Protein backbone atom coordinates (compact mmCIF):
# COMPACT_ATOMS: atom_id res chain seq x y z
CA UNK A 1 -68.71 -36.62 -36.48
CA UNK A 2 -68.97 -39.70 -33.77
CA UNK A 3 -72.81 -39.65 -34.45
CA UNK A 4 -72.75 -39.66 -38.32
CA UNK A 5 -71.76 -43.30 -38.43
CA UNK A 6 -75.40 -44.38 -39.16
CA UNK A 7 -75.32 -43.95 -43.19
CA UNK A 8 -71.51 -45.86 -43.14
CA UNK A 9 -72.42 -48.74 -40.89
CA UNK A 10 -75.76 -48.90 -40.83
CA UNK A 11 -76.57 -48.25 -37.34
CA UNK A 12 -75.53 -45.76 -34.67
CA UNK A 13 -72.61 -46.20 -32.68
CA UNK A 14 -72.87 -43.03 -30.64
CA UNK A 15 -75.75 -41.28 -29.67
CA UNK A 16 -76.89 -38.12 -27.77
CA UNK A 17 -78.84 -39.18 -24.62
CA UNK A 18 -79.49 -35.57 -23.92
CA UNK A 19 -78.18 -32.36 -25.71
CA UNK A 20 -74.12 -33.08 -24.60
CA UNK A 21 -73.46 -36.29 -23.33
CA UNK A 22 -72.68 -38.67 -25.93
CA UNK A 23 -73.73 -42.68 -25.06
CA UNK A 24 -72.02 -45.77 -26.74
CA UNK A 25 -74.72 -48.51 -27.90
CA UNK A 26 -74.00 -51.78 -28.31
CA UNK A 27 -71.45 -51.76 -30.28
CA UNK A 28 -67.60 -52.23 -29.27
CA UNK A 29 -64.47 -51.13 -31.54
CA UNK A 30 -62.07 -48.09 -32.05
CA UNK A 31 -62.52 -44.98 -33.76
CA UNK A 32 -59.60 -42.91 -35.40
CA UNK A 33 -59.85 -38.93 -36.17
CA UNK A 34 -56.25 -37.61 -37.23
CA UNK A 35 -54.27 -38.12 -34.40
CA UNK A 36 -57.22 -39.16 -31.93
CA UNK A 37 -58.65 -42.31 -30.75
CA UNK A 38 -61.62 -42.81 -29.22
CA UNK A 39 -61.95 -46.97 -27.80
CA UNK A 40 -64.80 -48.07 -26.49
CA UNK A 41 -65.00 -51.64 -24.63
CA UNK A 42 -67.76 -53.99 -23.82
CA UNK A 43 -69.01 -53.61 -20.25
CA UNK A 44 -67.21 -56.70 -18.82
CA UNK A 45 -66.03 -56.61 -15.33
CA UNK A 46 -62.33 -56.48 -14.51
CA UNK A 47 -59.58 -54.04 -15.64
CA UNK A 48 -59.17 -52.78 -18.96
CA UNK A 49 -56.23 -55.04 -19.87
CA UNK A 50 -58.37 -57.61 -18.79
CA UNK A 51 -61.38 -56.67 -20.81
CA UNK A 52 -59.52 -56.21 -24.14
CA UNK A 53 -57.76 -59.43 -23.58
CA UNK A 54 -61.28 -61.32 -23.67
CA UNK A 55 -62.62 -58.83 -26.36
CA UNK A 56 -59.77 -60.46 -28.45
CA UNK A 57 -60.10 -64.06 -27.36
CA UNK A 58 -63.81 -63.50 -28.23
CA UNK A 59 -63.05 -62.45 -31.89
CA UNK A 60 -60.78 -65.15 -32.28
CA UNK A 61 -63.08 -68.01 -31.20
CA UNK A 62 -65.88 -66.17 -33.47
CA UNK A 63 -63.00 -64.80 -36.36
CA UNK A 64 -61.35 -68.20 -36.59
CA UNK A 65 -58.11 -66.19 -35.59
CA UNK A 66 -56.18 -68.86 -33.38
CA UNK A 67 -55.06 -66.71 -31.30
CA UNK A 68 -54.02 -68.13 -27.67
CA UNK A 69 -55.20 -66.92 -24.69
CA UNK A 70 -51.51 -66.36 -23.63
CA UNK A 71 -50.67 -64.37 -26.97
CA UNK A 72 -53.87 -62.05 -25.85
CA UNK A 73 -52.80 -61.53 -22.57
CA UNK A 74 -49.16 -60.82 -23.57
CA UNK A 75 -50.34 -57.74 -25.66
CA UNK A 76 -53.37 -56.51 -23.43
CA UNK A 77 -50.81 -56.23 -20.42
CA UNK A 78 -48.89 -53.60 -22.42
CA UNK A 79 -51.90 -51.37 -22.18
CA UNK A 80 -52.47 -51.15 -26.40
CA UNK A 81 -55.59 -50.29 -27.61
CA UNK A 82 -57.80 -53.09 -29.17
CA UNK A 83 -56.71 -51.82 -32.84
CA UNK A 84 -53.03 -52.27 -31.73
CA UNK A 85 -52.78 -55.41 -30.46
CA UNK A 86 -54.64 -56.73 -33.45
CA UNK A 87 -52.53 -55.58 -35.48
CA UNK A 88 -49.39 -56.66 -33.59
CA UNK A 89 -51.24 -60.34 -33.68
CA UNK A 90 -51.28 -60.29 -37.27
CA UNK A 91 -48.13 -59.20 -37.68
CA UNK A 92 -46.97 -61.59 -35.24
CA UNK A 93 -48.39 -64.38 -37.18
CA UNK A 94 -47.67 -63.23 -40.77
CA UNK A 95 -44.11 -63.25 -39.86
CA UNK A 96 -44.34 -66.50 -38.22
CA UNK A 97 -45.95 -67.86 -41.29
CA UNK A 98 -43.32 -66.20 -43.55
CA UNK A 99 -40.38 -67.77 -41.96
CA UNK A 100 -41.92 -71.04 -43.15
CA UNK A 101 -42.09 -69.80 -46.80
CA UNK A 102 -44.07 -67.68 -48.80
CA UNK A 103 -46.94 -68.95 -50.83
CA UNK A 104 -45.79 -69.13 -54.41
CA UNK A 105 -48.42 -70.31 -57.25
CA UNK A 106 -48.37 -71.50 -60.56
CA UNK A 107 -50.18 -68.70 -61.95
CA UNK A 108 -51.58 -68.15 -65.99
CA UNK A 109 -49.70 -65.88 -67.88
CA UNK A 110 -49.65 -65.14 -71.60
CA UNK A 111 -47.22 -62.96 -73.49
CA UNK A 112 -45.21 -61.85 -77.04
CA UNK A 113 -41.86 -63.32 -76.63
CA UNK A 114 -38.71 -64.12 -78.52
CA UNK A 115 -38.71 -68.30 -77.85
CA UNK A 116 -41.56 -70.38 -76.99
CA UNK A 117 -42.77 -70.91 -73.75
CA UNK A 118 -45.62 -73.34 -72.89
CA UNK A 119 -47.73 -73.21 -75.70
CA UNK A 120 -48.80 -71.04 -78.89
CA UNK A 121 -51.62 -69.45 -79.07
CA UNK A 122 -52.42 -70.16 -82.55
CA UNK A 123 -55.40 -67.37 -82.83
CA UNK A 124 -53.48 -64.60 -81.11
CA UNK A 125 -50.20 -65.80 -83.20
CA UNK A 126 -52.31 -65.20 -86.44
CA UNK A 127 -54.07 -62.02 -85.17
CA UNK A 128 -50.89 -60.40 -83.97
CA UNK A 129 -47.92 -61.52 -85.44
CA UNK A 130 -48.72 -62.47 -88.83
CA UNK A 131 -46.20 -59.73 -90.39
CA UNK A 132 -43.85 -60.45 -87.21
CA UNK A 133 -42.56 -63.74 -87.25
CA UNK A 134 -39.96 -63.61 -84.82
CA UNK A 135 -42.30 -63.09 -81.73
CA UNK A 136 -44.22 -65.85 -80.54
CA UNK A 137 -47.32 -65.62 -78.48
CA UNK A 138 -47.43 -67.64 -75.71
CA UNK A 139 -49.69 -69.03 -73.15
CA UNK A 140 -47.86 -70.49 -70.39
CA UNK A 141 -47.86 -71.01 -66.10
CA UNK A 142 -45.17 -68.99 -64.15
CA UNK A 143 -44.56 -69.86 -60.32
CA UNK A 144 -44.66 -66.64 -58.28
CA UNK A 145 -45.69 -65.34 -55.33
CA UNK A 146 -48.31 -62.88 -57.04
CA UNK A 147 -50.93 -64.54 -56.31
CA UNK A 148 -54.39 -63.52 -54.83
CA UNK A 149 -53.83 -64.63 -51.30
CA UNK A 150 -50.31 -62.71 -51.17
CA UNK A 151 -52.39 -59.69 -52.96
CA UNK A 152 -54.51 -59.96 -50.07
CA UNK A 153 -51.97 -59.74 -47.37
CA UNK A 154 -50.50 -57.09 -49.07
CA UNK A 155 -53.48 -54.68 -49.41
CA UNK A 156 -54.16 -55.50 -45.63
CA UNK A 157 -50.57 -54.57 -44.59
CA UNK A 158 -50.57 -51.06 -46.76
CA UNK A 159 -53.72 -50.53 -44.71
CA UNK A 160 -52.68 -50.87 -41.97
CA UNK A 161 -49.75 -48.91 -42.04
CA UNK A 162 -51.92 -45.69 -42.41
CA UNK A 163 -53.74 -46.61 -39.05
CA UNK A 164 -51.10 -48.00 -36.57
CA UNK A 165 -49.96 -45.46 -34.07
CA UNK A 166 -47.95 -47.68 -32.24
CA UNK A 167 -44.38 -47.44 -33.16
CA UNK A 168 -43.12 -50.85 -33.35
CA UNK A 169 -46.57 -52.17 -35.18
CA UNK A 170 -45.25 -49.49 -37.99
CA UNK A 171 -41.86 -51.15 -38.44
CA UNK A 172 -43.12 -54.20 -38.45
CA UNK A 173 -45.99 -53.24 -41.25
CA UNK A 174 -42.45 -51.54 -42.97
CA UNK A 175 -40.84 -54.36 -42.68
CA UNK A 176 -43.35 -56.88 -44.61
CA UNK A 177 -43.99 -54.39 -47.39
CA UNK A 178 -40.70 -55.14 -48.34
CA UNK A 179 -41.37 -59.03 -48.35
CA UNK A 180 -44.40 -58.42 -50.35
CA UNK A 181 -42.53 -55.99 -52.54
CA UNK A 182 -43.17 -58.59 -55.96
CA UNK A 183 -46.59 -58.70 -55.27
CA UNK A 184 -49.03 -56.83 -57.39
CA UNK A 185 -51.02 -54.19 -55.43
CA UNK A 186 -54.60 -54.37 -55.78
CA UNK A 187 -57.23 -51.83 -54.47
CA UNK A 188 -58.97 -52.90 -51.70
CA UNK A 189 -62.49 -52.84 -53.57
CA UNK A 190 -61.16 -55.32 -56.25
CA UNK A 191 -59.47 -57.44 -54.18
CA UNK A 192 -59.56 -61.40 -55.18
CA UNK A 193 -61.27 -62.69 -52.20
CA UNK A 194 -63.40 -65.71 -53.66
CA UNK A 195 -59.99 -66.61 -55.76
CA UNK A 196 -58.17 -67.45 -53.04
CA UNK A 197 -58.35 -71.25 -52.18
CA UNK A 198 -56.30 -72.89 -49.27
CA UNK A 199 -54.63 -76.47 -49.39
CA UNK A 200 -52.45 -78.27 -47.24
CA UNK A 201 -49.36 -76.23 -48.07
CA UNK A 202 -51.05 -72.99 -47.46
CA UNK A 203 -53.60 -73.93 -44.35
CA UNK A 204 -51.44 -72.08 -42.09
CA UNK A 205 -52.04 -69.20 -43.44
CA UNK A 206 -55.64 -68.86 -42.30
CA UNK A 207 -55.42 -67.13 -39.66
CA UNK A 208 -53.47 -64.43 -41.01
CA UNK A 209 -55.97 -64.63 -44.08
CA UNK A 210 -59.01 -64.60 -41.39
CA UNK A 211 -57.34 -61.14 -39.73
CA UNK A 212 -57.18 -59.68 -43.42
CA UNK A 213 -60.74 -60.15 -43.65
CA UNK A 214 -61.38 -58.73 -40.33
CA UNK A 215 -59.72 -55.57 -40.96
CA UNK A 216 -60.40 -54.79 -44.38
CA UNK A 217 -64.23 -56.42 -44.79
CA UNK A 218 -65.17 -54.60 -41.65
CA UNK A 219 -63.70 -51.27 -42.87
CA UNK A 220 -66.22 -48.47 -44.38
CA UNK A 221 -64.93 -45.50 -46.56
CA UNK A 222 -63.54 -42.85 -44.77
CA UNK A 223 -65.62 -41.90 -42.91
CA UNK A 224 -64.53 -37.81 -42.10
CA UNK A 225 -64.64 -36.48 -45.73
CA UNK A 226 -62.06 -34.24 -45.29
CA UNK A 227 -58.13 -33.94 -45.33
CA UNK A 228 -58.08 -35.53 -41.84
CA UNK A 229 -57.77 -39.40 -42.24
CA UNK A 230 -60.90 -41.20 -40.35
CA UNK A 231 -60.63 -44.79 -39.59
CA UNK A 232 -63.12 -46.80 -37.66
CA UNK A 233 -63.81 -50.64 -37.04
CA UNK A 234 -66.97 -51.60 -34.75
CA UNK A 235 -68.52 -54.85 -34.00
CA UNK A 236 -71.91 -55.19 -32.47
CA UNK A 237 -71.72 -57.21 -29.29
CA UNK A 238 -75.09 -58.69 -29.72
CA UNK A 239 -73.70 -60.63 -32.35
CA UNK A 240 -70.32 -61.36 -30.94
CA UNK A 241 -71.86 -62.68 -27.43
CA UNK A 242 -74.71 -64.55 -29.60
CA UNK A 243 -71.76 -66.24 -31.74
CA UNK A 244 -69.03 -66.44 -29.18
CA UNK A 245 -71.73 -68.66 -26.90
CA UNK A 246 -72.57 -70.58 -30.07
CA UNK A 247 -68.86 -71.76 -30.79
CA UNK A 248 -68.85 -72.88 -27.21
CA UNK A 249 -71.75 -74.64 -26.95
CA UNK A 250 -70.70 -76.81 -30.13
CA UNK A 251 -67.35 -77.38 -28.33
CA UNK A 252 -68.68 -78.55 -24.69
CA UNK A 253 -71.95 -80.14 -26.03
CA UNK A 254 -71.17 -82.04 -29.44
CA UNK A 255 -68.96 -84.75 -27.60
CA UNK A 256 -71.69 -85.70 -25.37
CA UNK A 257 -74.31 -86.34 -27.69
CA UNK A 258 -76.12 -83.13 -28.94
CA UNK A 259 -76.48 -81.52 -32.57
CA UNK A 260 -75.88 -78.09 -31.80
CA UNK A 261 -77.00 -75.48 -34.91
CA UNK A 262 -76.45 -71.73 -34.93
CA UNK A 263 -79.43 -69.81 -36.12
CA UNK A 264 -81.86 -72.62 -36.61
CA UNK A 265 -83.48 -74.54 -37.75
CA UNK A 266 -85.97 -72.49 -39.27
CA UNK A 267 -89.73 -72.92 -38.39
CA UNK A 268 -92.55 -70.81 -38.45
CA UNK A 269 -95.13 -69.46 -35.87
CA UNK A 270 -98.20 -69.50 -38.17
CA UNK A 271 -100.12 -70.59 -41.21
CA UNK A 272 -101.49 -68.02 -43.86
CA UNK A 273 -104.65 -69.94 -44.58
CA UNK A 274 -105.79 -67.43 -47.62
CA UNK A 275 -102.14 -67.83 -49.16
CA UNK A 276 -101.24 -71.24 -47.91
CA UNK A 277 -97.79 -70.64 -46.69
CA UNK A 278 -96.00 -70.29 -43.53
CA UNK A 279 -95.56 -67.11 -42.00
CA UNK A 280 -93.47 -65.20 -39.10
CA UNK A 281 -90.35 -66.86 -39.68
CA UNK A 282 -88.38 -68.04 -36.08
CA UNK A 283 -84.58 -68.56 -35.90
CA UNK A 284 -83.37 -69.08 -32.80
CA UNK A 285 -80.20 -68.38 -31.78
CA UNK A 286 -78.57 -71.82 -30.65
CA UNK A 287 -80.40 -74.79 -30.97
CA UNK A 288 -79.76 -78.34 -29.65
CA UNK A 289 -80.55 -81.68 -30.44
CA UNK A 290 -80.70 -85.12 -29.57
CA UNK A 291 -81.63 -88.17 -31.31
CA UNK A 292 -83.30 -85.84 -34.06
CA UNK A 293 -85.41 -83.96 -31.57
CA UNK A 294 -84.90 -80.37 -30.29
CA UNK A 295 -83.72 -80.66 -26.17
CA UNK A 296 -83.07 -77.28 -25.80
CA UNK A 297 -83.01 -73.74 -26.94
CA UNK A 298 -80.95 -70.66 -26.07
CA UNK A 299 -81.34 -67.28 -27.24
CA UNK A 300 -78.28 -64.64 -25.74
CA UNK A 301 -79.10 -60.95 -24.48
CA UNK A 302 -76.51 -58.71 -24.57
CA UNK A 303 -78.09 -56.47 -21.88
CA UNK A 304 -77.50 -55.90 -18.31
CA UNK A 305 -80.09 -57.52 -15.57
CA UNK A 306 -80.75 -55.18 -12.51
CA UNK A 307 -81.99 -55.87 -9.06
CA UNK A 308 -83.79 -52.84 -9.02
CA UNK A 309 -85.94 -53.53 -12.11
CA UNK A 310 -88.77 -55.79 -11.91
CA UNK A 311 -88.01 -59.30 -12.82
CA UNK A 312 -84.45 -58.48 -12.90
CA UNK A 313 -84.99 -56.16 -15.93
CA UNK A 314 -86.17 -59.27 -17.93
CA UNK A 315 -88.25 -58.08 -20.70
CA UNK A 316 -92.08 -59.40 -21.50
CA UNK A 317 -91.38 -59.61 -25.00
CA UNK A 318 -88.56 -61.55 -24.52
CA UNK A 319 -90.66 -64.07 -22.15
CA UNK A 320 -93.15 -64.10 -25.13
CA UNK A 321 -90.51 -65.29 -27.53
CA UNK A 322 -88.88 -68.16 -25.22
CA UNK A 323 -92.78 -69.04 -24.90
CA UNK A 324 -92.98 -68.99 -28.86
CA UNK A 325 -89.72 -71.21 -29.25
CA UNK A 326 -90.88 -73.56 -26.87
CA UNK A 327 -94.03 -74.49 -28.40
CA UNK A 328 -93.29 -74.29 -32.03
CA UNK A 329 -90.02 -76.24 -31.50
CA UNK A 330 -91.94 -78.34 -28.65
CA UNK A 331 -88.78 -78.52 -26.45
CA UNK A 332 -89.28 -78.25 -23.03
CA UNK A 333 -86.18 -76.20 -22.16
CA UNK A 334 -85.50 -72.58 -23.24
CA UNK A 335 -82.81 -70.63 -22.22
CA UNK A 336 -82.13 -66.72 -21.76
CA UNK A 337 -78.69 -65.96 -21.43
CA UNK A 338 -77.34 -62.28 -20.00
CA UNK A 339 -73.60 -61.44 -19.02
CA UNK A 340 -73.29 -61.35 -15.58
CA UNK A 341 -71.93 -58.62 -13.48
CA UNK A 342 -70.33 -57.52 -10.11
CA UNK A 343 -73.98 -55.62 -9.39
CA UNK A 344 -75.58 -59.03 -9.51
CA UNK A 345 -75.93 -60.81 -5.90
CA UNK A 346 -73.98 -64.33 -6.01
CA UNK A 347 -72.29 -66.29 -8.55
CA UNK A 348 -73.35 -66.24 -12.47
CA UNK A 349 -75.71 -69.22 -13.10
CA UNK A 350 -79.51 -69.54 -13.28
CA UNK A 351 -81.17 -66.80 -11.51
CA UNK A 352 -84.95 -67.82 -12.66
CA UNK A 353 -87.01 -70.49 -13.49
CA UNK A 354 -90.72 -69.94 -14.87
CA UNK A 355 -93.11 -72.59 -15.75
CA UNK A 356 -94.71 -72.07 -19.06
CA UNK A 357 -98.88 -72.50 -18.75
CA UNK A 358 -98.45 -74.68 -15.50
CA UNK A 359 -102.44 -74.15 -15.33
CA UNK A 360 -102.77 -76.59 -18.63
CA UNK A 361 -100.50 -79.48 -17.52
CA UNK A 362 -101.30 -82.12 -15.33
CA UNK A 363 -97.45 -82.89 -13.77
CA UNK A 364 -95.07 -80.90 -12.86
CA UNK A 365 -92.45 -82.76 -15.19
CA UNK A 366 -94.20 -82.06 -18.26
CA UNK A 367 -93.94 -78.28 -17.80
CA UNK A 368 -92.25 -76.76 -20.76
CA UNK A 369 -89.72 -73.94 -18.93
CA UNK A 370 -87.81 -70.98 -18.97
CA UNK A 371 -84.48 -70.59 -17.43
CA UNK A 372 -83.01 -66.71 -17.20
CA UNK A 373 -79.39 -67.30 -16.30
CA UNK A 374 -75.96 -65.24 -16.28
CA UNK A 375 -72.49 -66.12 -17.34
CA UNK A 376 -69.30 -64.39 -16.13
CA UNK A 377 -66.97 -63.44 -18.95
CA UNK A 378 -64.60 -62.60 -16.85
CA UNK A 379 -62.40 -65.62 -17.40
CA UNK A 380 -63.35 -66.76 -20.52
CA UNK A 381 -61.71 -70.56 -19.48
CA UNK A 382 -64.35 -71.38 -17.15
CA UNK A 383 -67.27 -70.14 -19.67
CA UNK A 384 -67.31 -73.57 -21.48
CA UNK A 385 -68.24 -75.57 -17.98
CA UNK A 386 -70.64 -72.66 -16.69
CA UNK A 387 -72.65 -72.92 -19.83
CA UNK A 388 -72.35 -76.81 -19.63
CA UNK A 389 -73.98 -76.73 -16.31
CA UNK A 390 -76.44 -74.07 -17.71
CA UNK A 391 -77.93 -75.80 -20.23
CA UNK A 392 -78.01 -79.45 -18.69
CA UNK A 393 -79.51 -77.97 -15.00
CA UNK A 394 -82.59 -80.18 -14.67
CA UNK A 395 -82.01 -81.95 -17.97
CA UNK A 396 -83.76 -85.53 -18.51
CA UNK A 397 -81.92 -85.95 -21.91
CA UNK A 398 -79.91 -89.45 -22.00
CA UNK A 399 -77.30 -87.16 -24.16
CA UNK A 400 -76.05 -85.54 -20.80
CA UNK A 401 -74.94 -89.00 -19.43
CA UNK A 402 -73.40 -90.24 -22.44
């Protein structure tokens, strides 16, 4: 069962490393089958509760969930699994907003009524009521709680009632269902995502909406295909690490003069002389620009370095990629960033510094260079300053002193 998730997700969550041993790949999350739950956590130093807390905090940054560090730490201390922690946060945030008022909207309605309401639908009146003049076909707006936002929130509540195992979470979800009892139920595959519009009155519901997206859009069809209910929710740590570092880079470097671009700007490695078009697109993880020029490029790698490996396990292909970035984007600094772990000597930071093509440069300051660095994720509050030191170490751009 655990090795049959590729048709659902498009990737292998678990893989056999021999005939009898399963190994988790770069995906973290949870898998439920009946009463059994399997949880896969990222390989971050620290106790399990701290790892869960940090995973929730990273998800909060990447998905705009507005989860405070204290909120995540409080729930992680109760030793709940990652799924139950996210469910409790969803319930707590939704109750907090409901106490300030459920969102109501004017929704367009039409109906055959005995008295005029709104405006008369002439075409429908002639077609439907020509022989029944005591009825009036009316078009009107009704102020109600049955709107796209509440339909999505109710669908999420209903779904989570099926997967929650914690008794307190089940109680909270049941109470929330009562609050939304007048909201129409919509199948999760027909939910009106594109119709949800936020304004100054409903902006406070955004974290709840984003959590509902996380649950409902990330959930595949039932992977069991049998009588026992199956549920799985996984996150690709490669993407989560990249997006988390990108968001933090924006937060700490944009105020000092850098424009930080995620997944771009796109350039090409070569030009096809026959077809007259650019080929081999390049799209770095994170690019920092100053005064319109590329000041540095950072690529994240969610894999551990090792003292037992040559060059600590930095792959030659990764260096080729950094070489291409440095020359294609004409930037002096490119960074390969890995997660730090306790088996590496010393503290997190720059571990290696490579000059690219030093023999064709006249002076040391002209070298394009690759920084190989690690970042410590055990205390996420230290990540912004760590990242700033790694990127700006040896930087000559005036933006760093602005």
